[in-house]
Each structure stands twice: as C-alpha cells, then as structure tokens.
Amino acid sequence: MFHMLNRRVLVLALLLGGLVLPGVGGCASAPLAPSADPSAMGASVEASKVYAPGPREKRYVDARSGKTQVRRFGKAAADGSWTMTSADASVIDKEPKVGVAIQVLTFEPLSDGGVGLRDVIDYGENAITTYTPPLVLMPKVLGPEGWETSSRVRLTWASRPDEERSTGDAKLSLKIISATGQGDERRVRLSQVLKISLPPADVTEEELREVGPKGIVSEQERRRVEVGFLTIQNESHDYTLQNETE
C-alpha cells in the first residue's frame, strides 16, 4: 500500500489547482487480485506481521522500473505511534523538506489491537493527507471474513498544514485470498482495495501482497485516478523484498 498511498496526492493537487491533465476514457480495468481459493478459509494474519515499529529498514526492488524503494521504520513514541519514511534509494538520506520526494507515514496502535494510519506527509508534492479517525488498515487479526472500514480525509499543504485544500472520504476493504506453508515457510496473500473520493477526483488503489513471518515479502500495486469518465492516471508497481536491516 505504501507507494501508491503516498503518491496519490500528485494528481489530486494538480486537479485542485485547476490543471486538468489529458486523459483517456474507458472502462475500469479487471481486478488486480484473483478470487480467494479454499486455502484462505482457514487462514489468518496478525496486524503486527504487516505493520510494526522499528527501528529497521527494508529495501524493495520494483521489477517494472528497476528502482529500489527504501522504507525506514522509526521506534514507537510515547503514545505508541511510529513513522515510516519511504523514498527512492537515491534520495532517502536527504533532509525531508518540501520539494524532496520523500513521504512520511504515521501509524498508531488502536485500542482493539489493530493498526491505524493517522497521516501521510508527501514532501515531494507539498501535501499532507490526514485521516479522521485514523484509517484502520488492519484489525488485530485478519481472518477469512475479511475487513472493511472508512474514514474522512483532509488534504492540506505540507508548507501550510493549517490551510485546507479539500476534504473527502476513504473506504478500505481487505481480504485473504490464499495461504501456503507452515511455520517459517508460511505465506499469506492479501488483497486490498482503497477508494478515495476528493472531488473532483476518485482514486482507486489496489494491492496484492504476500506476507511471511517477518512481514511483507512482495507487493503488486495499481493506482487509477478518474475524473468523471476520464482516467487521467493509471500506474503499476511490482515490489519484491531485497533485504532488511535492524
């Protein structure tokens, strides 16, 4: 979810600023994830396997672009929240400031054991996306019944965080589609669909993840931005874990 979720404000910012990009009309693409198979019926995965504080760093290679995405997880703060800084390997060590393509996500533990997303700061696009209440990314344990949730969305400037740009809604659905192996070889595949409405745009972000005992092993992502019947952006990524350090 990380790359797609972080970059969604790029096109929205342009639209809200009055610039409409050239688009291509057409029907929606087929779903990224396949239907759940019988192995999903007895499967479950804990939120802590997918979202957890650091300190640690993970590097993922995008098979489509060949670039390396770095995700750095901070230690839990006094309130239990933690951040993940995400950027291309070429800029990850730069100072996070407006104009630098670095995103910082803030996660927080929920009272029922789940994990929520509080906000996303996209320095490259000079934008902050805030979820109220925090968008519940996963319950404590995701089972065969799946998960659905929603939240309000507020878009502001990173340089002027008190200045509102737009408001809307976010809806998220999550389900297990397959599971294989046991113990250290256990792998669970998750399908996630996030729909964000920030007028005049509608954003659909689909993800297909493989999660192992130590977290996300791979991610396929697709993001589509539509204004009316026009699809103005349609991009995909295919990440595979390269290495992890603590």
C-alpha atoms as a PDB file:
ATOM      1  CA  MET A   1       0.000   0.000   0.000  1.00  0.00           C
ATOM      2  CA  PHE A   2       2.870   2.318   0.769  1.00  0.00           C
ATOM      3  CA  HIS A   3       3.988   3.658  -2.553  1.00  0.00           C
ATOM      4  CA  MET A   4       0.523   4.051  -4.036  1.00  0.00           C
ATOM      5  CA  LEU A   5      -0.956   5.571  -0.935  1.00  0.00           C
ATOM      6  CA  ASN A   6       1.857   8.070  -0.597  1.00  0.00           C
ATOM      7  CA  ARG A   7       1.755   9.272  -4.203  1.00  0.00           C
ATOM      8  CA  ARG A   8      -1.991   9.692  -4.677  1.00  0.00           C
ATOM      9  CA  VAL A   9      -1.893  13.437  -3.911  1.00  0.00           C
ATOM     10  CA  LEU A  10       0.170  14.246  -7.021  1.00  0.00           C
ATOM     11  CA  VAL A  11      -2.733  14.237  -9.448  1.00  0.00           C
ATOM     12  CA  LEU A  12      -5.223  15.472  -6.851  1.00  0.00           C
ATOM     13  CA  ALA A  13      -3.065  18.525  -6.179  1.00  0.00           C
ATOM     14  CA  LEU A  14      -2.944  19.340  -9.880  1.00  0.00           C
ATOM     15  CA  LEU A  15      -6.692  18.950 -10.221  1.00  0.00           C
ATOM     16  CA  LEU A  16      -7.457  21.045  -7.178  1.00  0.00           C
ATOM     17  CA  GLY A  17      -5.142  23.698  -8.558  1.00  0.00           C
ATOM     18  CA  GLY A  18      -7.252  23.913 -11.710  1.00  0.00           C
ATOM     19  CA  LEU A  19      -5.000  21.932 -14.068  1.00  0.00           C
ATOM     20  CA  VAL A  20      -6.751  19.034 -15.773  1.00  0.00           C
ATOM     21  CA  LEU A  21      -4.358  16.540 -17.279  1.00  0.00           C
ATOM     22  CA  PRO A  22      -5.096  14.855 -20.625  1.00  0.00           C
ATOM     23  CA  GLY A  23      -6.962  11.641 -20.037  1.00  0.00           C
ATOM     24  CA  VAL A  24      -8.171   8.517 -21.702  1.00  0.00           C
ATOM     25  CA  GLY A  25     -11.773   7.408 -21.355  1.00  0.00           C
ATOM     26  CA  GLY A  26     -12.689   3.767 -20.999  1.00  0.00           C
ATOM     27  CA  CYS A  27     -13.958   1.002 -18.777  1.00  0.00           C
ATOM     28  CA  ALA A  28     -12.374   0.109 -15.462  1.00  0.00           C
ATOM     29  CA  SER A  29      -9.623  -2.496 -15.518  1.00  0.00           C
ATOM     30  CA  ALA A  30     -10.169  -6.037 -14.302  1.00  0.00           C
ATOM     31  CA  PRO A  31      -9.433  -6.534 -10.575  1.00  0.00           C
ATOM     32  CA  LEU A  32      -5.758  -6.981  -9.754  1.00  0.00           C
ATOM     33  CA  ALA A  33      -6.349  -9.801  -7.252  1.00  0.00           C
ATOM     34  CA  PRO A  34      -7.758 -13.222  -8.154  1.00  0.00           C
ATOM     35  CA  SER A  35     -10.685 -14.717  -6.259  1.00  0.00           C
ATOM     36  CA  ALA A  36      -9.945 -16.362  -2.917  1.00  0.00           C
ATOM     37  CA  ASP A  37      -9.126 -20.072  -3.086  1.00  0.00           C
ATOM     38  CA  PRO A  38     -10.040 -22.769  -0.494  1.00  0.00           C
ATOM     39  CA  SER A  39      -6.771 -22.296   1.429  1.00  0.00           C
ATOM     40  CA  ALA A  40      -7.991 -18.848   2.512  1.00  0.00           C
ATOM     41  CA  MET A  41     -10.860 -20.290   4.540  1.00  0.00           C
ATOM     42  CA  GLY A  42      -8.677 -21.391   7.441  1.00  0.00           C
ATOM     43  CA  ALA A  43      -6.077 -18.637   7.215  1.00  0.00           C
ATOM     44  CA  SER A  44      -5.413 -15.590   9.381  1.00  0.00           C
ATOM     45  CA  VAL A  45      -2.694 -12.974   9.732  1.00  0.00           C
ATOM     46  CA  GLU A  46      -1.836 -10.619  12.592  1.00  0.00           C
ATOM     47  CA  ALA A  47      -1.601  -6.873  12.045  1.00  0.00           C
ATOM     48  CA  SER A  48       1.799  -6.914  13.764  1.00  0.00           C
ATOM     49  CA  LYS A  49       3.148  -9.051  10.907  1.00  0.00           C
ATOM     50  CA  VAL A  50       2.308  -6.317   8.402  1.00  0.00           C
ATOM     51  CA  TYR A  51       2.632  -3.127  10.471  1.00  0.00           C
ATOM     52  CA  ALA A  52       5.099  -2.768  13.327  1.00  0.00           C
ATOM     53  CA  PRO A  53       7.510  -0.124  14.658  1.00  0.00           C
ATOM     54  CA  GLY A  54      11.275  -0.310  14.214  1.00  0.00           C
ATOM     55  CA  PRO A  55      13.961   0.653  14.203  1.00  0.00           C
ATOM     56  CA  ARG A  56      14.573  -1.199  10.960  1.00  0.00           C
ATOM     57  CA  GLU A  57      14.929  -0.649   7.234  1.00  0.00           C
ATOM     58  CA  LYS A  58      13.516  -2.602   4.310  1.00  0.00           C
ATOM     59  CA  ARG A  59      14.505  -2.316   0.662  1.00  0.00           C
ATOM     60  CA  TYR A  60      12.211  -3.364  -2.165  1.00  0.00           C
ATOM     61  CA  VAL A  61      13.069  -3.576  -5.870  1.00  0.00           C
ATOM     62  CA  ASP A  62      10.404  -2.585  -8.395  1.00  0.00           C
ATOM     63  CA  ALA A  63      10.517  -5.094 -11.250  1.00  0.00           C
ATOM     64  CA  ARG A  64       8.848  -2.584 -13.572  1.00  0.00           C
ATOM     65  CA  SER A  65      11.279   0.315 -13.126  1.00  0.00           C
ATOM     66  CA  GLY A  66      14.328  -1.424 -11.627  1.00  0.00           C
ATOM     67  CA  LYS A  67      14.428   1.204  -8.864  1.00  0.00           C
ATOM     68  CA  THR A  68      14.876   0.468  -5.170  1.00  0.00           C
ATOM     69  CA  GLN A  69      12.352   1.783  -2.667  1.00  0.00           C
ATOM     70  CA  VAL A  70      13.581   2.192   0.919  1.00  0.00           C
ATOM     71  CA  ARG A  71      11.211   2.050   3.897  1.00  0.00           C
ATOM     72  CA  ARG A  72      12.598   3.149   7.257  1.00  0.00           C
ATOM     73  CA  PHE A  73      10.553   2.444  10.364  1.00  0.00           C
ATOM     74  CA  GLY A  74      11.056   4.544  13.480  1.00  0.00           C
ATOM     75  CA  LYS A  75      10.804   3.442  17.095  1.00  0.00           C
ATOM     76  CA  ALA A  76       7.479   3.710  18.870  1.00  0.00           C
ATOM     77  CA  ALA A  77       6.859   7.103  20.512  1.00  0.00           C
ATOM     78  CA  ALA A  78       5.428   7.602  23.977  1.00  0.00           C
ATOM     79  CA  ASP A  79       1.864   7.289  22.624  1.00  0.00           C
ATOM     80  CA  GLY A  80       2.760   4.101  20.762  1.00  0.00           C
ATOM     81  CA  SER A  81       2.708   5.694  17.298  1.00  0.00           C
ATOM     82  CA  TRP A  82       5.559   5.288  14.843  1.00  0.00           C
ATOM     83  CA  THR A  83       6.601   6.586  11.440  1.00  0.00           C
ATOM     84  CA  MET A  84       7.706   5.027   8.192  1.00  0.00           C
ATOM     85  CA  THR A  85       9.839   7.133   5.865  1.00  0.00           C
ATOM     86  CA  SER A  86       9.591   5.994   2.253  1.00  0.00           C
ATOM     87  CA  ALA A  87      11.654   7.145  -0.736  1.00  0.00           C
ATOM     88  CA  ASP A  88      13.766   6.024  -3.637  1.00  0.00           C
ATOM     89  CA  ALA A  89      17.233   4.878  -2.573  1.00  0.00           C
ATOM     90  CA  SER A  90      18.742   7.894  -4.347  1.00  0.00           C
ATOM     91  CA  VAL A  91      17.024  10.412  -2.028  1.00  0.00           C
ATOM     92  CA  ILE A  92      16.269   8.522   1.197  1.00  0.00           C
ATOM     93  CA  ASP A  93      19.185  10.152   3.039  1.00  0.00           C
ATOM     94  CA  LYS A  94      18.220  13.717   2.121  1.00  0.00           C
ATOM     95  CA  GLU A  95      16.537  16.073   4.572  1.00  0.00           C
ATOM     96  CA  PRO A  96      12.731  15.735   4.392  1.00  0.00           C
ATOM     97  CA  LYS A  97      11.524  19.111   3.120  1.00  0.00           C
ATOM     98  CA  VAL A  98       9.140  20.443   0.519  1.00  0.00           C
ATOM     99  CA  GLY A  99      10.350  19.580  -2.969  1.00  0.00           C
ATOM    100  CA  VAL A 100      12.216  16.401  -1.971  1.00  0.00           C
ATOM    101  CA  ALA A 101      10.435  13.174  -2.997  1.00  0.00           C
ATOM    102  CA  ILE A 102      10.150  11.721   0.497  1.00  0.00           C
ATOM    103  CA  GLN A 103       6.975  10.555   2.215  1.00  0.00           C
ATOM    104  CA  VAL A 104       6.454  10.052   5.957  1.00  0.00           C
ATOM    105  CA  LEU A 105       3.529   7.967   7.202  1.00  0.00           C
ATOM    106  CA  THR A 106       2.391   7.930  10.830  1.00  0.00           C
ATOM    107  CA  PHE A 107       0.814   4.748  12.164  1.00  0.00           C
ATOM    108  CA  GLU A 108      -0.793   4.244  15.549  1.00  0.00           C
ATOM    109  CA  PRO A 109      -1.866   1.216  17.593  1.00  0.00           C
ATOM    110  CA  LEU A 110      -5.601   1.022  18.245  1.00  0.00           C
ATOM    111  CA  SER A 111      -7.306   0.030  21.472  1.00  0.00           C
ATOM    112  CA  ASP A 112      -8.576  -3.232  19.994  1.00  0.00           C
ATOM    113  CA  GLY A 113      -5.109  -4.290  18.821  1.00  0.00           C
ATOM    114  CA  GLY A 114      -5.461  -3.128  15.243  1.00  0.00           C
ATOM    115  CA  VAL A 115      -3.302  -0.583  13.389  1.00  0.00           C
ATOM    116  CA  GLY A 116      -4.453   2.769  12.012  1.00  0.00           C
ATOM    117  CA  LEU A 117      -2.975   5.281   9.590  1.00  0.00           C
ATOM    118  CA  ARG A 118      -3.037   8.795  11.055  1.00  0.00           C
ATOM    119  CA  ASP A 119      -1.499  10.851   8.260  1.00  0.00           C
ATOM    120  CA  VAL A 120       0.831  10.949   5.264  1.00  0.00           C
ATOM    121  CA  ILE A 121       3.241  13.819   4.601  1.00  0.00           C
ATOM    122  CA  ASP A 122       4.323  13.935   0.961  1.00  0.00           C
ATOM    123  CA  TYR A 123       7.178  16.430   0.818  1.00  0.00           C
ATOM    124  CA  GLY A 124       7.684  15.992  -2.908  1.00  0.00           C
ATOM    125  CA  GLU A 125       4.128  17.093  -3.632  1.00  0.00           C
ATOM    126  CA  ASN A 126       3.865  19.577  -0.718  1.00  0.00           C
ATOM    127  CA  ALA A 127       0.848  17.762   0.717  1.00  0.00           C
ATOM    128  CA  ILE A 128      -0.448  16.276   3.952  1.00  0.00           C
ATOM    129  CA  THR A 129      -3.285  13.757   3.978  1.00  0.00           C
ATOM    130  CA  THR A 130      -4.953  13.304   7.377  1.00  0.00           C
ATOM    131  CA  TYR A 131      -7.461  10.576   8.276  1.00  0.00           C
ATOM    132  CA  THR A 132     -10.088  11.233  10.979  1.00  0.00           C
ATOM    133  CA  PRO A 133     -10.491   8.885  12.678  1.00  0.00           C
ATOM    134  CA  PRO A 134      -7.281   7.074  11.713  1.00  0.00           C
ATOM    135  CA  LEU A 135      -7.905   4.723   8.796  1.00  0.00           C
ATOM    136  CA  VAL A 136      -7.923   1.208  10.279  1.00  0.00           C
ATOM    137  CA  LEU A 137      -5.506  -0.626   7.996  1.00  0.00           C
ATOM    138  CA  MET A 138      -5.944  -3.989   9.746  1.00  0.00           C
ATOM    139  CA  PRO A 139      -7.740  -5.428  12.770  1.00  0.00           C
ATOM    140  CA  LYS A 140      -5.601  -7.224  15.362  1.00  0.00           C
ATOM    141  CA  VAL A 141      -6.135 -10.498  13.494  1.00  0.00           C
ATOM    142  CA  LEU A 142      -7.456 -10.625   9.932  1.00  0.00           C
ATOM    143  CA  GLY A 143      -9.490 -13.768   9.301  1.00  0.00           C
ATOM    144  CA  PRO A 144     -11.383 -15.326   6.391  1.00  0.00           C
ATOM    145  CA  GLU A 145     -14.274 -12.886   6.875  1.00  0.00           C
ATOM    146  CA  GLY A 146     -12.110 -10.003   5.649  1.00  0.00           C
ATOM    147  CA  TRP A 147     -12.222  -6.375   6.752  1.00  0.00           C
ATOM    148  CA  GLU A 148     -13.947  -3.164   5.674  1.00  0.00           C
ATOM    149  CA  THR A 149     -13.628   0.331   7.130  1.00  0.00           C
ATOM    150  CA  SER A 150     -13.909   4.013   6.247  1.00  0.00           C
ATOM    151  CA  SER A 151     -12.617   7.405   7.345  1.00  0.00           C
ATOM    152  CA  ARG A 152     -12.802  11.087   6.487  1.00  0.00           C
ATOM    153  CA  VAL A 153      -9.890  12.561   4.544  1.00  0.00           C
ATOM    154  CA  ARG A 154      -8.465  16.087   4.746  1.00  0.00           C
ATOM    155  CA  LEU A 155      -5.847  17.422   2.334  1.00  0.00           C
ATOM    156  CA  THR A 156      -3.595  20.334   3.345  1.00  0.00           C
ATOM    157  CA  TRP A 157      -0.210  21.765   2.322  1.00  0.00           C
ATOM    158  CA  ALA A 158       3.000  20.447   3.884  1.00  0.00           C
ATOM    159  CA  SER A 159       4.291  24.014   3.896  1.00  0.00           C
ATOM    160  CA  ARG A 160       0.994  25.364   5.310  1.00  0.00           C
ATOM    161  CA  PRO A 161      -0.555  22.494   7.278  1.00  0.00           C
ATOM    162  CA  ASP A 162      -3.411  24.632   8.651  1.00  0.00           C
ATOM    163  CA  GLU A 163      -4.666  25.584   5.183  1.00  0.00           C
ATOM    164  CA  GLU A 164      -7.313  23.148   3.939  1.00  0.00           C
ATOM    165  CA  ARG A 165      -7.290  22.189   0.266  1.00  0.00           C
ATOM    166  CA  SER A 166     -10.021  19.563   0.065  1.00  0.00           C
ATOM    167  CA  THR A 167     -11.975  17.017   2.096  1.00  0.00           C
ATOM    168  CA  GLY A 168     -13.493  13.679   1.204  1.00  0.00           C
ATOM    169  CA  ASP A 169     -13.902  10.046   2.145  1.00  0.00           C
ATOM    170  CA  ALA A 170     -11.776   6.904   2.132  1.00  0.00           C
ATOM    171  CA  LYS A 171     -13.054   3.323   2.092  1.00  0.00           C
ATOM    172  CA  LEU A 172     -10.823   0.301   2.529  1.00  0.00           C
ATOM    173  CA  SER A 173     -11.508  -3.415   2.057  1.00  0.00           C
ATOM    174  CA  LEU A 174      -9.100  -6.230   2.860  1.00  0.00           C
ATOM    175  CA  LYS A 175      -9.291  -9.992   2.434  1.00  0.00           C
ATOM    176  CA  ILE A 176      -7.134 -13.110   2.450  1.00  0.00           C
ATOM    177  CA  ILE A 177      -7.078 -14.831  -0.915  1.00  0.00           C
ATOM    178  CA  SER A 178      -4.666 -17.736  -0.301  1.00  0.00           C
ATOM    179  CA  ALA A 179      -2.225 -19.304   2.168  1.00  0.00           C
ATOM    180  CA  THR A 180       0.617 -21.797   1.812  1.00  0.00           C
ATOM    181  CA  GLY A 181       3.245 -23.474   4.009  1.00  0.00           C
ATOM    182  CA  GLN A 182       3.741 -23.788   7.744  1.00  0.00           C
ATOM    183  CA  GLY A 183       5.989 -22.180  10.370  1.00  0.00           C
ATOM    184  CA  ASP A 184       8.819 -20.133   8.845  1.00  0.00           C
ATOM    185  CA  GLU A 185       7.558 -21.071   5.382  1.00  0.00           C
ATOM    186  CA  ARG A 186       4.058 -19.722   5.971  1.00  0.00           C
ATOM    187  CA  ARG A 187       2.896 -17.258   3.312  1.00  0.00           C
ATOM    188  CA  VAL A 188      -0.443 -15.468   3.219  1.00  0.00           C
ATOM    189  CA  ARG A 189      -1.640 -13.438   0.232  1.00  0.00           C
ATOM    190  CA  LEU A 190      -3.788 -10.387   0.915  1.00  0.00           C
ATOM    191  CA  SER A 191      -5.923  -8.311  -1.422  1.00  0.00           C
ATOM    192  CA  GLN A 192      -6.561  -4.677  -0.506  1.00  0.00           C
ATOM    193  CA  VAL A 193      -8.671  -2.061  -2.265  1.00  0.00           C
ATOM    194  CA  LEU A 194      -8.619   1.585  -1.149  1.00  0.00           C
ATOM    195  CA  LYS A 195     -11.079   4.054  -2.675  1.00  0.00           C
ATOM    196  CA  ILE A 196     -10.605   7.768  -2.015  1.00  0.00           C
ATOM    197  CA  SER A 197     -13.005  10.491  -3.110  1.00  0.00           C
ATOM    198  CA  LEU A 198     -11.542  14.005  -3.062  1.00  0.00           C
ATOM    199  CA  PRO A 199     -13.693  15.989  -5.535  1.00  0.00           C
ATOM    200  CA  PRO A 200     -13.310  16.269  -8.430  1.00  0.00           C
ATOM    201  CA  ALA A 201     -11.196  13.090  -8.459  1.00  0.00           C
ATOM    202  CA  ASP A 202     -11.800   9.478  -7.478  1.00  0.00           C
ATOM    203  CA  VAL A 203      -8.781   7.305  -6.693  1.00  0.00           C
ATOM    204  CA  THR A 204      -8.757   3.503  -6.645  1.00  0.00           C
ATOM    205  CA  GLU A 205      -5.663   1.778  -5.268  1.00  0.00           C
ATOM    206  CA  GLU A 206      -5.374  -1.998  -5.454  1.00  0.00           C
ATOM    207  CA  GLU A 207      -2.692  -4.100  -3.794  1.00  0.00           C
ATOM    208  CA  LEU A 208      -1.844  -7.763  -3.773  1.00  0.00           C
ATOM    209  CA  ARG A 209       0.638  -8.614  -1.001  1.00  0.00           C
ATOM    210  CA  GLU A 210       2.457 -11.717   0.123  1.00  0.00           C
ATOM    211  CA  VAL A 211       3.123 -11.691   3.880  1.00  0.00           C
ATOM    212  CA  GLY A 212       5.569 -14.005   5.658  1.00  0.00           C
ATOM    213  CA  PRO A 213       6.576 -14.360   9.329  1.00  0.00           C
ATOM    214  CA  LYS A 214       8.724 -11.190   9.095  1.00  0.00           C
ATOM    215  CA  GLY A 215       6.344  -9.039   7.127  1.00  0.00           C
ATOM    216  CA  ILE A 216       5.672  -8.072   3.519  1.00  0.00           C
ATOM    217  CA  VAL A 217       7.655 -10.174   1.045  1.00  0.00           C
ATOM    218  CA  SER A 218       6.200  -8.724  -2.151  1.00  0.00           C
ATOM    219  CA  GLU A 219       3.594  -6.215  -3.336  1.00  0.00           C
ATOM    220  CA  GLN A 220       1.825  -5.691  -6.624  1.00  0.00           C
ATOM    221  CA  GLU A 221       0.186  -2.285  -6.794  1.00  0.00           C
ATOM    222  CA  ARG A 222      -2.049  -0.458  -9.219  1.00  0.00           C
ATOM    223  CA  ARG A 223      -3.479   3.048  -8.884  1.00  0.00           C
ATOM    224  CA  ARG A 224      -6.142   4.617 -11.047  1.00  0.00           C
ATOM    225  CA  VAL A 225      -7.292   8.267 -10.890  1.00  0.00           C
ATOM    226  CA  GLU A 226     -10.540   9.220 -12.579  1.00  0.00           C
ATOM    227  CA  VAL A 227     -12.420  12.464 -13.133  1.00  0.00           C
ATOM    228  CA  GLY A 228     -15.876  11.650 -14.400  1.00  0.00           C
ATOM    229  CA  PHE A 229     -15.482   9.203 -17.281  1.00  0.00           C
ATOM    230  CA  LEU A 230     -11.821  10.107 -17.861  1.00  0.00           C
ATOM    231  CA  THR A 231      -8.949   8.027 -16.498  1.00  0.00           C
ATOM    232  CA  ILE A 232      -6.169  10.539 -16.054  1.00  0.00           C
ATOM    233  CA  GLN A 233      -3.607   8.286 -14.392  1.00  0.00           C
ATOM    234  CA  ASN A 234      -3.075   4.528 -14.352  1.00  0.00           C
ATOM    235  CA  GLU A 235       0.227   3.242 -12.936  1.00  0.00           C
ATOM    236  CA  SER A 236       1.535  -0.019 -11.534  1.00  0.00           C
ATOM    237  CA  HIS A 237       4.449  -1.303  -9.432  1.00  0.00           C
ATOM    238  CA  ASP A 238       5.743  -4.768  -8.618  1.00  0.00           C
ATOM    239  CA  TYR A 239       7.911  -4.789  -5.472  1.00  0.00           C
ATOM    240  CA  THR A 240       9.983  -7.666  -4.115  1.00  0.00           C
ATOM    241  CA  LEU A 241      11.849  -7.534  -0.807  1.00  0.00           C
ATOM    242  CA  GLN A 242      15.592  -7.213  -1.383  1.00  0.00           C
ATOM    243  CA  ASN A 243      16.877  -7.073   2.205  1.00  0.00           C
ATOM    244  CA  GLU A 244      16.057  -5.964   5.722  1.00  0.00           C
ATOM    245  CA  THR A 245      18.319  -4.494   8.407  1.00  0.00           C
ATOM    246  CA  GLU A 246      17.717  -3.504  12.033  1.00  0.00           C
END
